[in-house]
PDB file of N, CA and C in Angstrom:
ATOM      1  N   UNK A   1     298.717  81.846  33.492  1.00  0.00           N
ATOM      2  CA  UNK A   1     298.846  83.279  33.288  1.00  0.00           C
ATOM      3  C   UNK A   1     300.130  83.828  33.912  1.00  0.00           C
ATOM      4  N   UNK A   2     300.543  83.237  35.022  1.00  0.00           N
ATOM      5  CA  UNK A   2     301.748  83.705  35.694  1.00  0.00           C
ATOM      6  C   UNK A   2     302.987  83.211  34.947  1.00  0.00           C
ATOM      7  N   UNK A   3     302.943  81.977  34.435  1.00  0.00           N
ATOM      8  CA  UNK A   3     304.098  81.392  33.761  1.00  0.00           C
ATOM      9  C   UNK A   3     304.342  81.997  32.387  1.00  0.00           C
ATOM     10  N   UNK A   4     303.292  82.459  31.734  1.00  0.00           N
ATOM     11  CA  UNK A   4     303.441  83.010  30.385  1.00  0.00           C
ATOM     12  C   UNK A   4     302.832  84.417  30.327  1.00  0.00           C
ATOM     13  N   UNK A   5     303.544  85.423  30.819  1.00  0.00           N
ATOM     14  CA  UNK A   5     302.975  86.770  30.888  1.00  0.00           C
ATOM     15  C   UNK A   5     302.674  87.390  29.527  1.00  0.00           C
ATOM     16  N   UNK A   6     303.296  86.932  28.466  1.00  0.00           N
ATOM     17  CA  UNK A   6     303.004  87.499  27.149  1.00  0.00           C
ATOM     18  C   UNK A   6     301.678  86.992  26.584  1.00  0.00           C
ATOM     19  N   UNK A   7     301.073  86.021  27.253  1.00  0.00           N
ATOM     20  CA  UNK A   7     299.791  85.480  26.816  1.00  0.00           C
ATOM     21  C   UNK A   7     298.650  86.470  27.073  1.00  0.00           C
ATOM     22  N   UNK A   8     298.699  87.180  28.175  1.00  0.00           N
ATOM     23  CA  UNK A   8     297.605  88.069  28.566  1.00  0.00           C
ATOM     24  C   UNK A   8     297.330  89.215  27.593  1.00  0.00           C
ATOM     25  N   UNK A   9     298.328  89.842  26.983  1.00  0.00           N
ATOM     26  CA  UNK A   9     298.016  90.932  26.051  1.00  0.00           C
ATOM     27  C   UNK A   9     297.225  90.488  24.830  1.00  0.00           C
ATOM     28  N   UNK A  10     297.174  89.194  24.558  1.00  0.00           N
ATOM     29  CA  UNK A  10     296.418  88.715  23.403  1.00  0.00           C
ATOM     30  C   UNK A  10     294.904  88.794  23.612  1.00  0.00           C
ATOM     31  N   UNK A  11     294.446  88.845  24.841  1.00  0.00           N
ATOM     32  CA  UNK A  11     293.010  88.872  25.096  1.00  0.00           C
ATOM     33  C   UNK A  11     292.308  90.077  24.467  1.00  0.00           C
ATOM     34  N   UNK A  12     292.741  91.306  24.687  1.00  0.00           N
ATOM     35  CA  UNK A  12     292.033  92.443  24.073  1.00  0.00           C
ATOM     36  C   UNK A  12     292.024  92.370  22.550  1.00  0.00           C
ATOM     37  N   UNK A  13     293.123  91.969  21.953  1.00  0.00           N
ATOM     38  CA  UNK A  13     293.191  91.854  20.500  1.00  0.00           C
ATOM     39  C   UNK A  13     292.211  90.794  20.001  1.00  0.00           C
ATOM     40  N   UNK A  14     292.168  89.668  20.682  1.00  0.00           N
ATOM     41  CA  UNK A  14     291.234  88.602  20.313  1.00  0.00           C
ATOM     42  C   UNK A  14     289.793  89.039  20.419  1.00  0.00           C
ATOM     43  N   UNK A  15     289.457  89.800  21.441  1.00  0.00           N
ATOM     44  CA  UNK A  15     288.089  90.298  21.599  1.00  0.00           C
ATOM     45  C   UNK A  15     287.734  91.281  20.491  1.00  0.00           C
ATOM     46  N   UNK A  16     288.667  92.139  20.119  1.00  0.00           N
ATOM     47  CA  UNK A  16     288.407  93.087  19.026  1.00  0.00           C
ATOM     48  C   UNK A  16     288.174  92.345  17.716  1.00  0.00           C
ATOM     49  N   UNK A  17     288.996  91.357  17.433  1.00  0.00           N
ATOM     50  CA  UNK A  17     288.849  90.589  16.201  1.00  0.00           C
ATOM     51  C   UNK A  17     287.517  89.838  16.199  1.00  0.00           C
ATOM     52  N   UNK A  18     287.186  89.184  17.300  1.00  0.00           N
ATOM     53  CA  UNK A  18     285.932  88.431  17.384  1.00  0.00           C
ATOM     54  C   UNK A  18     284.727  89.335  17.199  1.00  0.00           C
ATOM     55  N   UNK A  19     284.748  90.513  17.802  1.00  0.00           N
ATOM     56  CA  UNK A  19     283.620  91.434  17.677  1.00  0.00           C
ATOM     57  C   UNK A  19     283.483  91.924  16.241  1.00  0.00           C
ATOM     58  N   UNK A  20     284.600  92.224  15.603  1.00  0.00           N
ATOM     59  CA  UNK A  20     284.593  92.717  14.231  1.00  0.00           C
ATOM     60  C   UNK A  20     284.064  91.626  13.282  1.00  0.00           C
ATOM     61  N   UNK A  21     284.445  90.395  13.494  1.00  0.00           N
ATOM     62  CA  UNK A  21     283.956  89.299  12.665  1.00  0.00           C
ATOM     63  C   UNK A  21     282.473  89.065  12.927  1.00  0.00           C
ATOM     64  N   UNK A  22     282.070  89.115  14.181  1.00  0.00           N
ATOM     65  CA  UNK A  22     280.659  88.929  14.527  1.00  0.00           C
ATOM     66  C   UNK A  22     279.791  89.986  13.850  1.00  0.00           C
ATOM     67  N   UNK A  23     280.259  91.218  13.833  1.00  0.00           N
ATOM     68  CA  UNK A  23     279.534  92.301  13.172  1.00  0.00           C
ATOM     69  C   UNK A  23     279.385  92.026  11.672  1.00  0.00           C
ATOM     70  N   UNK A  24     280.447  91.533  11.046  1.00  0.00           N
ATOM     71  CA  UNK A  24     280.419  91.217   9.617  1.00  0.00           C
ATOM     72  C   UNK A  24     279.436  90.086   9.329  1.00  0.00           C
ATOM     73  N   UNK A  25     279.423  89.060  10.170  1.00  0.00           N
ATOM     74  CA  UNK A  25     278.516  87.934   9.968  1.00  0.00           C
ATOM     75  C   UNK A  25     277.065  88.400  10.110  1.00  0.00           C
ATOM     76  N   UNK A  26     276.802  89.287  11.055  1.00  0.00           N
ATOM     77  CA  UNK A  26     275.443  89.826  11.210  1.00  0.00           C
ATOM     78  C   UNK A  26     275.023  90.600   9.970  1.00  0.00           C
ATOM     79  N   UNK A  27     275.948  91.387   9.397  1.00  0.00           N
ATOM     80  CA  UNK A  27     275.640  92.138   8.173  1.00  0.00           C
ATOM     81  C   UNK A  27     275.332  91.198   7.016  1.00  0.00           C
ATOM     82  N   UNK A  28     276.086  90.115   6.920  1.00  0.00           N
ATOM     83  CA  UNK A  28     275.910  89.167   5.818  1.00  0.00           C
ATOM     84  C   UNK A  28     274.624  88.366   5.970  1.00  0.00           C
ATOM     85  N   UNK A  29     274.220  88.125   7.210  1.00  0.00           N
ATOM     86  CA  UNK A  29     272.962  87.434   7.457  1.00  0.00           C
ATOM     87  C   UNK A  29     273.044  85.917   7.535  1.00  0.00           C
ATOM     88  N   UNK A  30     274.170  85.332   7.204  1.00  0.00           N
ATOM     89  CA  UNK A  30     274.293  83.871   7.255  1.00  0.00           C
ATOM     90  C   UNK A  30     275.719  83.508   7.655  1.00  0.00           C
ATOM     91  N   UNK A  31     275.840  82.690   8.667  1.00  0.00           N
ATOM     92  CA  UNK A  31     277.157  82.320   9.176  1.00  0.00           C
ATOM     93  C   UNK A  31     277.925  81.425   8.210  1.00  0.00           C
ATOM     94  N   UNK A  32     277.289  80.390   7.687  1.00  0.00           N
ATOM     95  CA  UNK A  32     277.981  79.392   6.872  1.00  0.00           C
ATOM     96  C   UNK A  32     278.726  79.965   5.673  1.00  0.00           C
ATOM     97  N   UNK A  33     278.014  80.610   4.751  1.00  0.00           N
ATOM     98  CA  UNK A  33     278.703  81.148   3.569  1.00  0.00           C
ATOM     99  C   UNK A  33     279.736  82.225   3.917  1.00  0.00           C
ATOM    100  N   UNK A  34     279.433  83.010   4.920  1.00  0.00           N
ATOM    101  CA  UNK A  34     280.352  84.080   5.309  1.00  0.00           C
ATOM    102  C   UNK A  34     281.614  83.507   5.931  1.00  0.00           C
ATOM    103  N   UNK A  35     281.466  82.498   6.780  1.00  0.00           N
ATOM    104  CA  UNK A  35     282.634  81.854   7.375  1.00  0.00           C
ATOM    105  C   UNK A  35     283.495  81.199   6.294  1.00  0.00           C
ATOM    106  N   UNK A  36     282.842  80.538   5.344  1.00  0.00           N
ATOM    107  CA  UNK A  36     283.591  79.896   4.262  1.00  0.00           C
ATOM    108  C   UNK A  36     284.363  80.933   3.446  1.00  0.00           C
ATOM    109  N   UNK A  37     283.735  82.060   3.140  1.00  0.00           N
ATOM    110  CA  UNK A  37     284.392  83.120   2.392  1.00  0.00           C
ATOM    111  C   UNK A  37     285.611  83.640   3.147  1.00  0.00           C
ATOM    112  N   UNK A  38     285.448  83.878   4.436  1.00  0.00           N
ATOM    113  CA  UNK A  38     286.545  84.405   5.256  1.00  0.00           C
ATOM    114  C   UNK A  38     287.687  83.400   5.392  1.00  0.00           C
ATOM    115  N   UNK A  39     287.352  82.148   5.627  1.00  0.00           N
ATOM    116  CA  UNK A  39     288.389  81.159   5.923  1.00  0.00           C
ATOM    117  C   UNK A  39     289.176  80.721   4.696  1.00  0.00           C
ATOM    118  N   UNK A  40     288.682  80.946   3.516  1.00  0.00           N
ATOM    119  CA  UNK A  40     289.384  80.545   2.295  1.00  0.00           C
ATOM    120  C   UNK A  40     290.578  81.430   1.976  1.00  0.00           C
ATOM    121  N   UNK A  41     290.676  82.586   2.605  1.00  0.00           N
ATOM    122  CA  UNK A  41     291.707  83.542   2.227  1.00  0.00           C
ATOM    123  C   UNK A  41     293.110  83.052   2.536  1.00  0.00           C
ATOM    124  N   UNK A  42     293.258  82.259   3.555  1.00  0.00           N
ATOM    125  CA  UNK A  42     294.554  81.633   3.799  1.00  0.00           C
ATOM    126  C   UNK A  42     295.393  82.268   4.879  1.00  0.00           C
ATOM    127  N   UNK A  43     296.657  81.924   4.847  1.00  0.00           N
ATOM    128  CA  UNK A  43     297.606  82.306   5.880  1.00  0.00           C
ATOM    129  C   UNK A  43     298.317  83.604   5.484  1.00  0.00           C
ATOM    130  N   UNK A  44     297.787  84.725   5.958  1.00  0.00           N
ATOM    131  CA  UNK A  44     298.354  86.048   5.669  1.00  0.00           C
ATOM    132  C   UNK A  44     298.438  86.839   6.970  1.00  0.00           C
ATOM    133  N   UNK A  45     298.991  88.018   6.911  1.00  0.00           N
ATOM    134  CA  UNK A  45     299.067  88.878   8.101  1.00  0.00           C
ATOM    135  C   UNK A  45     297.666  89.212   8.621  1.00  0.00           C
ATOM    136  N   UNK A  46     297.511  89.393   9.930  1.00  0.00           N
ATOM    137  CA  UNK A  46     296.183  89.649  10.502  1.00  0.00           C
ATOM    138  C   UNK A  46     295.444  90.829   9.876  1.00  0.00           C
ATOM    139  N   UNK A  47     296.125  91.938   9.645  1.00  0.00           N
ATOM    140  CA  UNK A  47     295.433  93.096   9.059  1.00  0.00           C
ATOM    141  C   UNK A  47     294.987  92.825   7.627  1.00  0.00           C
ATOM    142  N   UNK A  48     295.799  92.105   6.871  1.00  0.00           N
ATOM    143  CA  UNK A  48     295.424  91.760   5.498  1.00  0.00           C
ATOM    144  C   UNK A  48     294.215  90.834   5.514  1.00  0.00           C
ATOM    145  N   UNK A  49     294.239  89.835   6.391  1.00  0.00           N
ATOM    146  CA  UNK A  49     293.125  88.896   6.489  1.00  0.00           C
ATOM    147  C   UNK A  49     291.850  89.622   6.926  1.00  0.00           C
ATOM    148  N   UNK A  50     291.978  90.481   7.929  1.00  0.00           N
ATOM    149  CA  UNK A  50     290.804  91.181   8.443  1.00  0.00           C
ATOM    150  C   UNK A  50     290.235  92.132   7.402  1.00  0.00           C
ATOM    151  N   UNK A  51     291.099  92.783   6.632  1.00  0.00           N
ATOM    152  CA  UNK A  51     290.621  93.666   5.577  1.00  0.00           C
ATOM    153  C   UNK A  51     289.841  92.858   4.539  1.00  0.00           C
ATOM    154  N   UNK A  52     290.317  91.688   4.205  1.00  0.00           N
ATOM    155  CA  UNK A  52     289.586  90.830   3.270  1.00  0.00           C
ATOM    156  C   UNK A  52     288.268  90.354   3.889  1.00  0.00           C
ATOM    157  N   UNK A  53     288.303  89.967   5.150  1.00  0.00           N
ATOM    158  CA  UNK A  53     287.128  89.382   5.798  1.00  0.00           C
ATOM    159  C   UNK A  53     286.045  90.400   6.112  1.00  0.00           C
ATOM    160  N   UNK A  54     286.445  91.596   6.573  1.00  0.00           N
ATOM    161  CA  UNK A  54     285.444  92.555   7.042  1.00  0.00           C
ATOM    162  C   UNK A  54     285.458  93.887   6.311  1.00  0.00           C
ATOM    163  N   UNK A  55     286.476  94.123   5.511  1.00  0.00           N
ATOM    164  CA  UNK A  55     286.565  95.392   4.799  1.00  0.00           C
ATOM    165  C   UNK A  55     287.349  96.456   5.539  1.00  0.00           C
ATOM    166  N   UNK A  56     287.871  96.122   6.716  1.00  0.00           N
ATOM    167  CA  UNK A  56     288.649  97.080   7.505  1.00  0.00           C
ATOM    168  C   UNK A  56     289.723  96.321   8.283  1.00  0.00           C
ATOM    169  N   UNK A  57     290.854  96.962   8.549  1.00  0.00           N
ATOM    170  CA  UNK A  57     291.880  96.294   9.352  1.00  0.00           C
ATOM    171  C   UNK A  57     291.421  96.116  10.795  1.00  0.00           C
ATOM    172  N   UNK A  58     292.159  95.345  11.566  1.00  0.00           N
ATOM    173  CA  UNK A  58     291.835  95.143  12.979  1.00  0.00           C
ATOM    174  C   UNK A  58     291.773  96.509  13.652  1.00  0.00           C
ATOM    175  N   UNK A  59     290.654  96.773  14.324  1.00  0.00           N
ATOM    176  CA  UNK A  59     290.440  98.097  14.895  1.00  0.00           C
ATOM    177  C   UNK A  59     289.457  98.022  16.053  1.00  0.00           C
ATOM    178  N   UNK A  60     289.538  99.004  16.931  1.00  0.00           N
ATOM    179  CA  UNK A  60     288.579  99.110  18.035  1.00  0.00           C
ATOM    180  C   UNK A  60     287.331  99.875  17.619  1.00  0.00           C
ATOM    181  N   UNK A  61     287.299 100.392  16.400  1.00  0.00           N
ATOM    182  CA  UNK A  61     286.153 101.194  15.951  1.00  0.00           C
ATOM    183  C   UNK A  61     284.809 100.477  16.064  1.00  0.00           C
ATOM    184  N   UNK A  62     284.682  99.204  15.665  1.00  0.00           N
ATOM    185  CA  UNK A  62     283.386  98.537  15.839  1.00  0.00           C
ATOM    186  C   UNK A  62     282.933  98.486  17.297  1.00  0.00           C
ATOM    187  N   UNK A  63     283.867  98.263  18.216  1.00  0.00           N
ATOM    188  CA  UNK A  63     283.518  98.256  19.642  1.00  0.00           C
ATOM    189  C   UNK A  63     283.078  99.642  20.097  1.00  0.00           C
ATOM    190  N   UNK A  64     283.753 100.665  19.627  1.00  0.00           N
ATOM    191  CA  UNK A  64     283.393 102.032  20.012  1.00  0.00           C
ATOM    192  C   UNK A  64     282.026 102.421  19.455  1.00  0.00           C
ATOM    193  N   UNK A  65     281.736 102.015  18.216  1.00  0.00           N
ATOM    194  CA  UNK A  65     280.412 102.301  17.638  1.00  0.00           C
ATOM    195  C   UNK A  65     279.316 101.590  18.431  1.00  0.00           C
ATOM    196  N   UNK A  66     279.556 100.340  18.798  1.00  0.00           N
ATOM    197  CA  UNK A  66     278.566  99.593  19.580  1.00  0.00           C
ATOM    198  C   UNK A  66     278.374 100.231  20.956  1.00  0.00           C
ATOM    199  N   UNK A  67     279.442 100.741  21.538  1.00  0.00           N
ATOM    200  CA  UNK A  67     279.344 101.421  22.834  1.00  0.00           C
ATOM    201  C   UNK A  67     278.511 102.682  22.711  1.00  0.00           C
ATOM    202  N   UNK A  68     278.738 103.450  21.647  1.00  0.00           N
ATOM    203  CA  UNK A  68     277.946 104.669  21.432  1.00  0.00           C
ATOM    204  C   UNK A  68     276.469 104.344  21.291  1.00  0.00           C
ATOM    205  N   UNK A  69     276.152 103.290  20.527  1.00  0.00           N
ATOM    206  CA  UNK A  69     274.760 102.890  20.341  1.00  0.00           C
ATOM    207  C   UNK A  69     274.138 102.445  21.660  1.00  0.00           C
ATOM    208  N   UNK A  70     274.901 101.718  22.461  1.00  0.00           N
ATOM    209  CA  UNK A  70     274.381 101.251  23.755  1.00  0.00           C
ATOM    210  C   UNK A  70     274.141 102.439  24.694  1.00  0.00           C
ATOM    211  N   UNK A  71     275.006 103.429  24.660  1.00  0.00           N
ATOM    212  CA  UNK A  71     274.841 104.593  25.528  1.00  0.00           C
ATOM    213  C   UNK A  71     273.649 105.453  25.088  1.00  0.00           C
ATOM    214  N   UNK A  72     273.367 105.469  23.800  1.00  0.00           N
ATOM    215  CA  UNK A  72     272.183 106.206  23.316  1.00  0.00           C
ATOM    216  C   UNK A  72     270.902 105.591  23.847  1.00  0.00           C
ATOM    217  N   UNK A  73     270.918 104.286  24.075  1.00  0.00           N
ATOM    218  CA  UNK A  73     269.736 103.588  24.558  1.00  0.00           C
ATOM    219  C   UNK A  73     269.462 103.791  26.044  1.00  0.00           C
ATOM    220  N   UNK A  74     270.382 104.415  26.761  1.00  0.00           N
ATOM    221  CA  UNK A  74     270.179 104.613  28.211  1.00  0.00           C
ATOM    222  C   UNK A  74     269.334 105.817  28.499  1.00  0.00           C
TER     223      UNK A  74
END
């Protein structure tokens, strides 16, 4: 982490992408077919890939919605 300081900013982006994909897989109900559909799209820009995979570009909105739902439960 000290030798490569540009590595650390990738963590929040990676968490947002992972959460957004996880939400999509839950909506689809099955990991296998959904993963295959997402992974077939190929090597494109992250926002283009994410729009194809989840229907929305990379965004913090899914995390914010989940936070709102969790706070309602308190």
